[in-house]
């Protein structure tokens, strides 16, 4: 199951820089993960300083 970013995201961009497949982009209110591109590696969740990323 792909990872998702909650509203706790502060749009720092750390996760996008860590994603090995470029599945994360800035959305309207916070960063978002493209579920079709996500390889479920968890690198983004480990890098997130606000713990806003979890498996959906």
N, C-alpha and C. Protein backbone atom coordinates (compact mmCIF):
# COMPACT_ATOMS: atom_id res chain seq x y z
N UNK A 1 0.84 -1.17 0.00
CA UNK A 1 0.00 0.00 0.00
C UNK A 1 0.89 1.24 0.00
N UNK A 2 0.60 2.17 -0.88
CA UNK A 2 1.40 3.38 -1.02
C UNK A 2 1.35 4.24 0.24
N UNK A 3 2.36 5.07 0.39
CA UNK A 3 2.41 6.00 1.51
C UNK A 3 1.55 7.22 1.20
N UNK A 4 1.07 7.88 2.23
CA UNK A 4 0.26 9.10 2.09
C UNK A 4 0.79 10.16 3.04
N UNK A 5 0.54 11.41 2.69
CA UNK A 5 0.98 12.53 3.52
C UNK A 5 -0.25 13.19 4.13
N UNK A 6 -0.24 13.35 5.44
CA UNK A 6 -1.38 13.93 6.15
C UNK A 6 -1.31 15.45 6.17
N UNK A 7 -2.33 16.07 6.73
CA UNK A 7 -2.38 17.52 6.87
C UNK A 7 -1.35 18.06 7.86
N UNK A 8 -0.63 17.17 8.54
CA UNK A 8 0.42 17.59 9.46
C UNK A 8 1.66 18.07 8.70
N UNK A 9 1.68 17.86 7.39
CA UNK A 9 2.79 18.27 6.53
C UNK A 9 2.97 19.79 6.60
N UNK A 10 4.23 20.24 6.76
CA UNK A 10 4.54 21.67 6.80
C UNK A 10 5.19 22.13 5.49
N UNK A 11 5.14 21.30 4.47
CA UNK A 11 5.67 21.62 3.13
C UNK A 11 7.14 21.99 3.13
N UNK A 12 7.94 21.28 3.91
CA UNK A 12 9.37 21.56 3.96
C UNK A 12 10.12 20.99 2.76
N UNK A 13 9.54 19.96 2.12
CA UNK A 13 10.16 19.37 0.93
C UNK A 13 11.19 18.30 1.18
N UNK A 14 11.45 17.98 2.43
CA UNK A 14 12.45 16.97 2.75
C UNK A 14 12.12 15.63 2.10
N UNK A 15 10.87 15.23 2.15
CA UNK A 15 10.45 13.94 1.61
C UNK A 15 10.68 13.86 0.10
N UNK A 16 10.36 14.94 -0.61
CA UNK A 16 10.51 14.95 -2.06
C UNK A 16 11.96 14.74 -2.46
N UNK A 17 12.86 15.33 -1.71
CA UNK A 17 14.28 15.17 -2.00
C UNK A 17 14.81 13.79 -1.71
N UNK A 18 14.15 13.06 -0.84
CA UNK A 18 14.58 11.71 -0.46
C UNK A 18 13.97 10.60 -1.31
N UNK A 19 12.85 10.88 -1.99
CA UNK A 19 12.15 9.84 -2.75
C UNK A 19 13.00 9.37 -3.93
N UNK A 20 13.34 8.07 -3.98
CA UNK A 20 14.21 7.57 -5.06
C UNK A 20 13.53 7.49 -6.43
N UNK A 21 12.21 7.57 -6.47
CA UNK A 21 11.50 7.47 -7.76
C UNK A 21 10.77 8.75 -8.13
N UNK A 22 10.93 9.81 -7.36
CA UNK A 22 10.31 11.09 -7.67
C UNK A 22 8.80 11.08 -7.60
N UNK A 23 8.24 10.32 -6.67
CA UNK A 23 6.79 10.17 -6.55
C UNK A 23 6.13 11.27 -5.72
N UNK A 24 6.92 12.20 -5.20
CA UNK A 24 6.38 13.23 -4.31
C UNK A 24 6.51 14.60 -4.95
N UNK A 25 5.40 15.34 -4.94
CA UNK A 25 5.39 16.69 -5.50
C UNK A 25 4.57 17.61 -4.62
N UNK A 26 4.83 18.91 -4.74
CA UNK A 26 4.08 19.88 -3.95
C UNK A 26 2.65 19.97 -4.47
N UNK A 27 1.71 19.82 -3.55
CA UNK A 27 0.29 19.91 -3.89
C UNK A 27 -0.28 21.26 -3.50
N UNK A 28 -1.59 21.37 -3.54
CA UNK A 28 -2.26 22.64 -3.25
C UNK A 28 -2.06 23.09 -1.80
N UNK A 29 -2.18 22.16 -0.86
CA UNK A 29 -2.05 22.55 0.55
C UNK A 29 -0.84 21.93 1.23
N UNK A 30 -0.30 20.85 0.69
CA UNK A 30 0.90 20.20 1.21
C UNK A 30 1.44 19.25 0.16
N UNK A 31 2.58 18.64 0.43
CA UNK A 31 3.16 17.69 -0.53
C UNK A 31 2.25 16.48 -0.66
N UNK A 32 2.29 15.84 -1.83
CA UNK A 32 1.45 14.68 -2.10
C UNK A 32 2.29 13.59 -2.76
N UNK A 33 1.88 12.34 -2.53
CA UNK A 33 2.57 11.19 -3.10
C UNK A 33 1.72 10.58 -4.19
N UNK A 34 2.32 10.36 -5.35
CA UNK A 34 1.65 9.69 -6.47
C UNK A 34 1.62 8.20 -6.15
N UNK A 35 0.45 7.68 -5.81
CA UNK A 35 0.32 6.28 -5.38
C UNK A 35 0.76 5.30 -6.47
N UNK A 36 0.59 5.66 -7.73
CA UNK A 36 0.99 4.77 -8.82
C UNK A 36 2.50 4.70 -8.98
N UNK A 37 3.20 5.76 -8.59
CA UNK A 37 4.66 5.80 -8.72
C UNK A 37 5.38 5.31 -7.46
N UNK A 38 4.70 5.37 -6.32
CA UNK A 38 5.30 4.99 -5.04
C UNK A 38 5.70 3.52 -5.04
N UNK A 39 6.95 3.25 -4.61
CA UNK A 39 7.45 1.87 -4.54
C UNK A 39 7.44 1.34 -3.10
N UNK A 40 6.81 2.10 -2.21
CA UNK A 40 6.61 1.68 -0.82
C UNK A 40 7.90 1.38 -0.07
N UNK A 41 8.93 2.18 -0.33
CA UNK A 41 10.22 1.94 0.33
C UNK A 41 10.28 2.53 1.74
N UNK A 42 9.47 3.56 2.03
CA UNK A 42 9.43 4.15 3.35
C UNK A 42 10.49 5.21 3.61
N UNK A 43 11.30 5.52 2.62
CA UNK A 43 12.34 6.53 2.80
C UNK A 43 11.74 7.88 3.17
N UNK A 44 10.63 8.23 2.55
CA UNK A 44 9.98 9.52 2.82
C UNK A 44 9.51 9.60 4.27
N UNK A 45 8.91 8.54 4.75
CA UNK A 45 8.39 8.52 6.13
C UNK A 45 9.52 8.67 7.13
N UNK A 46 10.63 8.02 6.86
CA UNK A 46 11.78 8.11 7.77
C UNK A 46 12.38 9.51 7.77
N UNK A 47 12.29 10.22 6.65
CA UNK A 47 12.89 11.55 6.53
C UNK A 47 11.99 12.67 7.04
N UNK A 48 10.70 12.44 7.16
CA UNK A 48 9.75 13.49 7.51
C UNK A 48 9.94 13.97 8.95
N UNK A 49 10.24 15.27 9.13
CA UNK A 49 10.47 15.78 10.49
C UNK A 49 9.19 15.92 11.32
N UNK A 50 8.02 15.91 10.68
CA UNK A 50 6.77 16.06 11.44
C UNK A 50 5.99 14.75 11.52
N UNK A 51 6.56 13.67 11.01
CA UNK A 51 5.93 12.35 11.02
C UNK A 51 4.55 12.39 10.35
N UNK A 52 4.46 13.16 9.25
CA UNK A 52 3.20 13.33 8.53
C UNK A 52 2.96 12.26 7.47
N UNK A 53 3.90 11.33 7.31
CA UNK A 53 3.78 10.31 6.26
C UNK A 53 3.61 8.93 6.87
N UNK A 54 2.62 8.22 6.34
CA UNK A 54 2.35 6.85 6.80
C UNK A 54 1.82 6.02 5.63
N UNK A 55 1.80 4.72 5.82
CA UNK A 55 1.24 3.87 4.79
C UNK A 55 -0.27 4.03 4.81
N UNK A 56 -0.83 4.24 3.60
CA UNK A 56 -2.26 4.47 3.47
C UNK A 56 -2.99 3.20 3.47
